[in-house]
C-alpha atoms as a PDB file:
ATOM      1  CA  MET A   1      83.521 111.385 133.001  1.00  0.00           C
ATOM      2  CA  VAL A   2      85.526 108.584 131.007  1.00  0.00           C
ATOM      3  CA  LYS A   3      84.258 105.761 129.676  1.00  0.00           C
ATOM      4  CA  PRO A   4      86.408 102.463 129.612  1.00  0.00           C
ATOM      5  CA  ILE A   5      87.710 101.819 126.503  1.00  0.00           C
ATOM      6  CA  GLN A   6      87.808  97.878 125.810  1.00  0.00           C
ATOM      7  CA  SER A   7      90.809  96.830 123.464  1.00  0.00           C
ATOM      8  CA  GLU A   8      88.987  96.572 119.532  1.00  0.00           C
ATOM      9  CA  VAL A   9      87.714  99.371 117.841  1.00  0.00           C
ATOM     10  CA  ARG A  10      84.509  99.168 115.589  1.00  0.00           C
ATOM     11  CA  VAL A  11      83.714 101.683 112.800  1.00  0.00           C
ATOM     12  CA  TYR A  12      80.529 101.153 111.504  1.00  0.00           C
ATOM     13  CA  ALA A  13      80.521 103.351 108.394  1.00  0.00           C
ATOM     14  CA  GLU A  14      77.968 104.184 105.824  1.00  0.00           C
ATOM     15  CA  GLY A  15      79.018 102.150 102.245  1.00  0.00           C
ATOM     16  CA  GLY A  16      79.850  98.804 100.430  1.00  0.00           C
ATOM     17  CA  GLY A  17      76.180  98.470  98.956  1.00  0.00           C
ATOM     18  CA  ASN A  18      73.413  96.459 100.759  1.00  0.00           C
ATOM     19  CA  ASP A  19      73.603  93.056  98.804  1.00  0.00           C
ATOM     20  CA  CYS A  20      77.065  92.869  97.571  1.00  0.00           C
ATOM     21  CA  ASN A  21      80.144  91.020  99.184  1.00  0.00           C
ATOM     22  CA  GLN A  22      82.498  92.312  96.732  1.00  0.00           C
ATOM     23  CA  LEU A  23      82.105  95.918  96.859  1.00  0.00           C
ATOM     24  CA  ARG A  24      82.319  95.672 101.136  1.00  0.00           C
ATOM     25  CA  THR A  25      85.480  93.616 100.942  1.00  0.00           C
ATOM     26  CA  ASP A  26      87.191  96.374  98.401  1.00  0.00           C
ATOM     27  CA  MET A  27      85.865  98.854 101.696  1.00  0.00           C
ATOM     28  CA  ARG A  28      86.919  96.807 104.502  1.00  0.00           C
ATOM     29  CA  GLU A  29      90.727  96.748 102.272  1.00  0.00           C
ATOM     30  CA  ALA A  30      90.554 100.510 101.376  1.00  0.00           C
ATOM     31  CA  PHE A  31      90.121 101.348 105.022  1.00  0.00           C
ATOM     32  CA  SER A  32      92.562  98.890 106.467  1.00  0.00           C
ATOM     33  CA  LYS A  33      95.368 100.897 104.023  1.00  0.00           C
ATOM     34  CA  PHE A  34      94.114 104.201 104.875  1.00  0.00           C
ATOM     35  CA  PHE A  35      94.107 103.521 108.325  1.00  0.00           C
ATOM     36  CA  GLU A  36      98.215 101.479 108.148  1.00  0.00           C
ATOM     37  CA  ASN A  37      98.812 104.347 105.968  1.00  0.00           C
ATOM     38  CA  ALA A  38      97.379 106.711 109.018  1.00  0.00           C
ATOM     39  CA  GLY A  39      99.905 105.455 111.178  1.00  0.00           C
ATOM     40  CA  LEU A  40      97.710 102.977 112.499  1.00  0.00           C
ATOM     41  CA  LYS A  41      99.947 100.138 111.104  1.00  0.00           C
ATOM     42  CA  ASP A  42      99.517  97.796 114.704  1.00  0.00           C
ATOM     43  CA  ARG A  43      96.442  98.985 115.616  1.00  0.00           C
ATOM     44  CA  LYS A  44      94.021  99.267 113.132  1.00  0.00           C
ATOM     45  CA  PRO A  45      89.937  99.435 114.124  1.00  0.00           C
ATOM     46  CA  ARG A  46      87.635  96.943 112.938  1.00  0.00           C
ATOM     47  CA  LEU A  47      85.717  98.498 109.305  1.00  0.00           C
ATOM     48  CA  ILE A  48      82.438  97.503 109.452  1.00  0.00           C
ATOM     49  CA  PRO A  49      80.661  98.169 106.049  1.00  0.00           C
ATOM     50  CA  CYS A  50      77.293  98.346 106.451  1.00  0.00           C
ATOM     51  CA  GLY A  51      74.948  99.408 103.444  1.00  0.00           C
ATOM     52  CA  SER A  52      72.548 102.557 103.860  1.00  0.00           C
ATOM     53  CA  ARG A  53      73.913 105.479 106.274  1.00  0.00           C
ATOM     54  CA  GLU A  54      70.360 104.378 108.103  1.00  0.00           C
ATOM     55  CA  ASN A  55      71.888 100.731 108.807  1.00  0.00           C
ATOM     56  CA  ALA A  56      75.466 102.078 109.751  1.00  0.00           C
ATOM     57  CA  PHE A  57      73.570 104.317 112.512  1.00  0.00           C
ATOM     58  CA  ASN A  58      71.413 100.994 113.930  1.00  0.00           C
ATOM     59  CA  ASP A  59      74.050  99.024 113.604  1.00  0.00           C
ATOM     60  CA  PHE A  60      76.276 100.985 115.741  1.00  0.00           C
ATOM     61  CA  CYS A  61      73.943 102.279 118.225  1.00  0.00           C
ATOM     62  CA  MET A  62      73.170  98.303 118.657  1.00  0.00           C
ATOM     63  CA  ALA A  63      76.946  97.772 119.305  1.00  0.00           C
ATOM     64  CA  LEU A  64      76.840 100.984 121.388  1.00  0.00           C
ATOM     65  CA  ALA A  65      73.945  99.287 123.326  1.00  0.00           C
ATOM     66  CA  GLN A  66      76.200  96.323 124.091  1.00  0.00           C
ATOM     67  CA  GLY A  67      78.797  98.102 125.608  1.00  0.00           C
ATOM     68  CA  LYS A  68      80.698  97.648 122.550  1.00  0.00           C
ATOM     69  CA  ASN A  69      83.873 100.468 122.063  1.00  0.00           C
ATOM     70  CA  ALA A  70      81.942 101.952 119.050  1.00  0.00           C
ATOM     71  CA  LEU A  71      82.078 103.849 116.233  1.00  0.00           C
ATOM     72  CA  LEU A  72      79.992 105.454 113.320  1.00  0.00           C
ATOM     73  CA  LEU A  73      81.360 106.622 110.100  1.00  0.00           C
ATOM     74  CA  VAL A  74      78.338 108.652 107.629  1.00  0.00           C
ATOM     75  CA  ASP A  75      78.963 111.759 105.447  1.00  0.00           C
ATOM     76  CA  SER A  76      77.316 114.430 106.553  1.00  0.00           C
ATOM     77  CA  GLU A  77      75.606 114.858 102.585  1.00  0.00           C
ATOM     78  CA  GLY A  78      75.908 118.477 102.715  1.00  0.00           C
ATOM     79  CA  PRO A  79      78.413 121.258 104.584  1.00  0.00           C
ATOM     80  CA  VAL A  80      78.093 121.460 108.429  1.00  0.00           C
ATOM     81  CA  LEU A  81      76.906 124.612 109.854  1.00  0.00           C
ATOM     82  CA  SER A  82      79.527 127.160 111.663  1.00  0.00           C
ATOM     83  CA  SER A  83      77.500 126.105 115.080  1.00  0.00           C
ATOM     84  CA  GLN A  84      78.802 122.829 114.873  1.00  0.00           C
ATOM     85  CA  THR A  85      81.839 123.204 114.627  1.00  0.00           C
ATOM     86  CA  SER A  86      84.109 125.775 116.493  1.00  0.00           C
ATOM     87  CA  THR A  87      87.166 127.039 116.117  1.00  0.00           C
ATOM     88  CA  ILE A  88      88.745 125.429 119.601  1.00  0.00           C
ATOM     89  CA  ASN A  89      88.260 121.624 118.190  1.00  0.00           C
ATOM     90  CA  HIS A  90      84.470 121.427 119.385  1.00  0.00           C
ATOM     91  CA  PHE A  91      82.996 119.495 117.334  1.00  0.00           C
ATOM     92  CA  GLU A  92      78.896 118.891 117.193  1.00  0.00           C
ATOM     93  CA  PRO A  93      78.250 116.009 115.136  1.00  0.00           C
ATOM     94  CA  TRP A  94      74.806 114.524 116.330  1.00  0.00           C
ATOM     95  CA  ALA A  95      73.416 118.432 115.869  1.00  0.00           C
ATOM     96  CA  HIS A  96      73.982 117.905 112.085  1.00  0.00           C
ATOM     97  CA  LEU A  97      72.272 115.205 112.019  1.00  0.00           C
ATOM     98  CA  LYS A  98      69.761 115.640 114.085  1.00  0.00           C
ATOM     99  CA  VAL A  99      68.834 118.370 111.057  1.00  0.00           C
ATOM    100  CA  GLN A 100      70.274 115.976 108.086  1.00  0.00           C
ATOM    101  CA  ASP A 101      68.391 112.963 109.234  1.00  0.00           C
ATOM    102  CA  HIS A 102      66.528 113.881 112.026  1.00  0.00           C
ATOM    103  CA  TRP A 103      68.474 111.119 114.190  1.00  0.00           C
ATOM    104  CA  ILE A 104      68.540 111.606 118.068  1.00  0.00           C
ATOM    105  CA  LYS A 105      71.928 111.077 119.872  1.00  0.00           C
ATOM    106  CA  PRO A 106      71.432 107.755 121.995  1.00  0.00           C
ATOM    107  CA  SER A 107      70.889 108.442 125.111  1.00  0.00           C
ATOM    108  CA  HIS A 108      74.635 106.633 126.214  1.00  0.00           C
ATOM    109  CA  ALA A 109      75.987 108.521 123.322  1.00  0.00           C
ATOM    110  CA  HIS A 110      78.804 110.629 122.799  1.00  0.00           C
ATOM    111  CA  ASP A 111      80.154 113.354 120.342  1.00  0.00           C
ATOM    112  CA  GLU A 112      83.353 111.224 120.075  1.00  0.00           C
ATOM    113  CA  ASP A 113      81.690 108.490 119.048  1.00  0.00           C
ATOM    114  CA  CYS A 114      80.029 109.692 115.760  1.00  0.00           C
ATOM    115  CA  HIS A 115      82.185 110.977 112.981  1.00  0.00           C
ATOM    116  CA  LEU A 116      81.521 112.354 109.160  1.00  0.00           C
ATOM    117  CA  MET A 117      82.823 112.648 106.058  1.00  0.00           C
ATOM    118  CA  VAL A 118      82.301 116.094 104.913  1.00  0.00           C
ATOM    119  CA  GLN A 119      80.582 116.442 102.713  1.00  0.00           C
ATOM    120  CA  CYS A 120      81.426 112.476 101.754  1.00  0.00           C
ATOM    121  CA  MET A 121      83.869 110.395 101.239  1.00  0.00           C
ATOM    122  CA  GLU A 122      85.135 111.197  97.876  1.00  0.00           C
ATOM    123  CA  SER A 123      85.717 115.263  99.328  1.00  0.00           C
ATOM    124  CA  TRP A 124      88.572 113.509 100.806  1.00  0.00           C
ATOM    125  CA  PHE A 125      89.864 112.953  97.414  1.00  0.00           C
ATOM    126  CA  PHE A 126      90.781 116.229  96.296  1.00  0.00           C
ATOM    127  CA  ALA A 127      92.855 116.628  99.717  1.00  0.00           C
ATOM    128  CA  ASP A 128      95.376 114.642  97.673  1.00  0.00           C
ATOM    129  CA  LEU A 129      95.120 114.896  93.332  1.00  0.00           C
ATOM    130  CA  GLU A 130      98.312 113.623  92.449  1.00  0.00           C
ATOM    131  CA  ALA A 131      97.775 110.537  93.522  1.00  0.00           C
ATOM    132  CA  VAL A 132      94.668 111.120  92.093  1.00  0.00           C
ATOM    133  CA  SER A 133      96.120 111.901  88.912  1.00  0.00           C
ATOM    134  CA  ASN A 134      98.597 109.264  88.492  1.00  0.00           C
ATOM    135  CA  PHE A 135      95.747 106.700  89.094  1.00  0.00           C
ATOM    136  CA  TYR A 136      93.647 108.123  86.333  1.00  0.00           C
ATOM    137  CA  GLY A 137      97.356 108.760  84.545  1.00  0.00           C
ATOM    138  CA  GLN A 138      96.893 110.141  81.201  1.00  0.00           C
ATOM    139  CA  GLY A 139      94.013 112.341  80.230  1.00  0.00           C
ATOM    140  CA  PHE A 140      93.281 113.746  83.762  1.00  0.00           C
ATOM    141  CA  LYS A 141      92.211 117.212  83.947  1.00  0.00           C
ATOM    142  CA  ALA A 142      93.823 117.835  87.985  1.00  0.00           C
ATOM    143  CA  ASN A 143      92.801 122.069  87.201  1.00  0.00           C
ATOM    144  CA  ASN A 144      89.236 121.221  86.464  1.00  0.00           C
ATOM    145  CA  THR A 145      89.079 119.502  90.108  1.00  0.00           C
ATOM    146  CA  LEU A 146      90.835 122.184  92.065  1.00  0.00           C
ATOM    147  CA  VAL A 147      88.202 123.515  94.577  1.00  0.00           C
ATOM    148  CA  GLN A 148      89.295 124.215  98.296  1.00  0.00           C
ATOM    149  CA  PRO A 149      89.030 124.225 100.934  1.00  0.00           C
ATOM    150  CA  ILE A 150      87.239 120.881 100.011  1.00  0.00           C
ATOM    151  CA  GLU A 151      84.799 120.474 103.211  1.00  0.00           C
ATOM    152  CA  LYS A 152      82.979 123.351 101.606  1.00  0.00           C
ATOM    153  CA  ILE A 153      82.774 121.294  98.391  1.00  0.00           C
ATOM    154  CA  CYS A 154      79.048 120.446  97.962  1.00  0.00           C
ATOM    155  CA  LYS A 155      78.740 116.508  97.581  1.00  0.00           C
ATOM    156  CA  ASP A 156      77.261 116.826  93.640  1.00  0.00           C
ATOM    157  CA  ASP A 157      79.828 118.724  92.483  1.00  0.00           C
ATOM    158  CA  VAL A 158      82.551 116.295  94.068  1.00  0.00           C
ATOM    159  CA  PHE A 159      80.916 113.550  91.319  1.00  0.00           C
ATOM    160  CA  LYS A 160      80.623 116.295  88.625  1.00  0.00           C
ATOM    161  CA  ALA A 161      84.998 117.619  88.772  1.00  0.00           C
ATOM    162  CA  LEU A 162      85.499 113.844  89.064  1.00  0.00           C
ATOM    163  CA  ASN A 163      83.630 112.974  86.541  1.00  0.00           C
ATOM    164  CA  LYS A 164      84.699 116.070  84.139  1.00  0.00           C
ATOM    165  CA  ALA A 165      87.900 115.679  85.425  1.00  0.00           C
ATOM    166  CA  THR A 166      88.163 112.250  84.195  1.00  0.00           C
ATOM    167  CA  LYS A 167      85.959 112.055  80.962  1.00  0.00           C
ATOM    168  CA  ASP A 168      89.108 112.181  78.819  1.00  0.00           C
ATOM    169  CA  CYS A 169      91.605 109.254  80.317  1.00  0.00           C
ATOM    170  CA  LYS A 170      93.694 107.342  77.842  1.00  0.00           C
ATOM    171  CA  THR A 171      94.119 104.313  80.557  1.00  0.00           C
ATOM    172  CA  SER A 172      91.604 104.304  82.979  1.00  0.00           C
ATOM    173  CA  ALA A 173      88.071 104.562  82.796  1.00  0.00           C
ATOM    174  CA  LYS A 174      85.759 107.938  83.662  1.00  0.00           C
ATOM    175  CA  TYR A 175      85.373 107.838  87.445  1.00  0.00           C
ATOM    176  CA  GLY A 176      82.768 105.374  88.823  1.00  0.00           C
ATOM    177  CA  LYS A 177      82.222 105.192  92.189  1.00  0.00           C
ATOM    178  CA  GLY A 178      81.671 101.341  92.751  1.00  0.00           C
ATOM    179  CA  PRO A 179      84.753 100.481  90.930  1.00  0.00           C
ATOM    180  CA  HIS A 180      86.892 103.374  91.764  1.00  0.00           C
ATOM    181  CA  SER A 181      86.408 105.061  95.120  1.00  0.00           C
ATOM    182  CA  PHE A 182      87.649 102.335  97.700  1.00  0.00           C
ATOM    183  CA  LYS A 183      90.834 101.857  95.052  1.00  0.00           C
ATOM    184  CA  LEU A 184      91.649 105.869  95.147  1.00  0.00           C
ATOM    185  CA  LEU A 185      90.918 105.551  99.038  1.00  0.00           C
ATOM    186  CA  ALA A 186      94.064 102.911  99.723  1.00  0.00           C
ATOM    187  CA  LEU A 187      96.256 105.915  97.600  1.00  0.00           C
ATOM    188  CA  ILE A 188      95.508 108.759  98.505  1.00  0.00           C
ATOM    189  CA  SER A 189      97.947 111.000 101.602  1.00  0.00           C
ATOM    190  CA  PRO A 190      96.072 110.592 105.161  1.00  0.00           C
ATOM    191  CA  ASP A 191      98.544 113.276 106.097  1.00  0.00           C
ATOM    192  CA  LYS A 192      96.897 115.430 103.377  1.00  0.00           C
ATOM    193  CA  VAL A 193      93.590 114.410 104.164  1.00  0.00           C
ATOM    194  CA  MET A 194      94.382 115.401 107.905  1.00  0.00           C
ATOM    195  CA  LYS A 195      95.716 118.358 106.913  1.00  0.00           C
ATOM    196  CA  ALA A 196      92.887 119.388 104.629  1.00  0.00           C
ATOM    197  CA  SER A 197      89.918 118.223 106.716  1.00  0.00           C
ATOM    198  CA  PRO A 198      89.551 119.080 110.433  1.00  0.00           C
ATOM    199  CA  TRP A 199      86.864 116.504 110.571  1.00  0.00           C
ATOM    200  CA  ALA A 200      89.025 113.271 108.708  1.00  0.00           C
ATOM    201  CA  LYS A 201      91.853 114.715 111.627  1.00  0.00           C
ATOM    202  CA  ARG A 202      89.188 114.135 114.123  1.00  0.00           C
ATOM    203  CA  PHE A 203      88.124 110.623 113.477  1.00  0.00           C
ATOM    204  CA  ILE A 204      92.127 109.740 112.929  1.00  0.00           C
ATOM    205  CA  ASP A 205      92.559 110.869 116.754  1.00  0.00           C
ATOM    206  CA  GLU A 206      89.852 109.315 118.133  1.00  0.00           C
ATOM    207  CA  ILE A 207      90.669 106.389 117.125  1.00  0.00           C
ATOM    208  CA  LYS A 208      94.370 106.807 117.812  1.00  0.00           C
ATOM    209  CA  LYS A 209      92.812 107.892 121.010  1.00  0.00           C
ATOM    210  CA  ARG A 210      91.209 105.190 121.400  1.00  0.00           C
ATOM    211  CA  LYS A 211      93.667 102.352 120.380  1.00  0.00           C
ATOM    212  CA  SER A 212      96.274 104.032 123.557  1.00  0.00           C
ATOM    213  CA  ILE A 213      94.658 103.175 126.395  1.00  0.00           C
ATOM    214  CA  THR A 214      94.672 100.122 127.954  1.00  0.00           C
END
């Protein structure tokens, strides 16, 4: 059965800190640019930074119960088992989150309401190292970060590689999640991210599908 689709898509996302208005503003602006670059300039969803992943889940559940056209976006935090992602593009994010966070899928939720950044948002940067290198400039060691496929990179290794690649940069400070993460998100190519990450493609495709229905 097809659910009725409302005009405004709301994405309840992990990130932005719990008490930092500037960081949340940076996050909204970065995702807005990412969506625009993904071909959603006139159909961008409303990105709602929720701070912790627990807050994102709770806010999403409340919005869904109120009948809002809501999506949940959180880091997978770890590898997604092959049993939760099939070769025929059937994804089971709630199965992963039940194991990872002990979250139970709301009775009124569907798999297409839930989306994962595998294994974290920063994993997407590895799909467009050219943009990352251009941001950091002289001293950025791109070869130290070449690990593929991006969804297989352990979350800890993502941050270690970014720190190692940027520690000798001359024109920018070493990678910092707060100062740099959303600036980079606004710069990277969504097309490259979607080619490298089936989960990212699924997320953007779902937004396009919802925004195309009136």
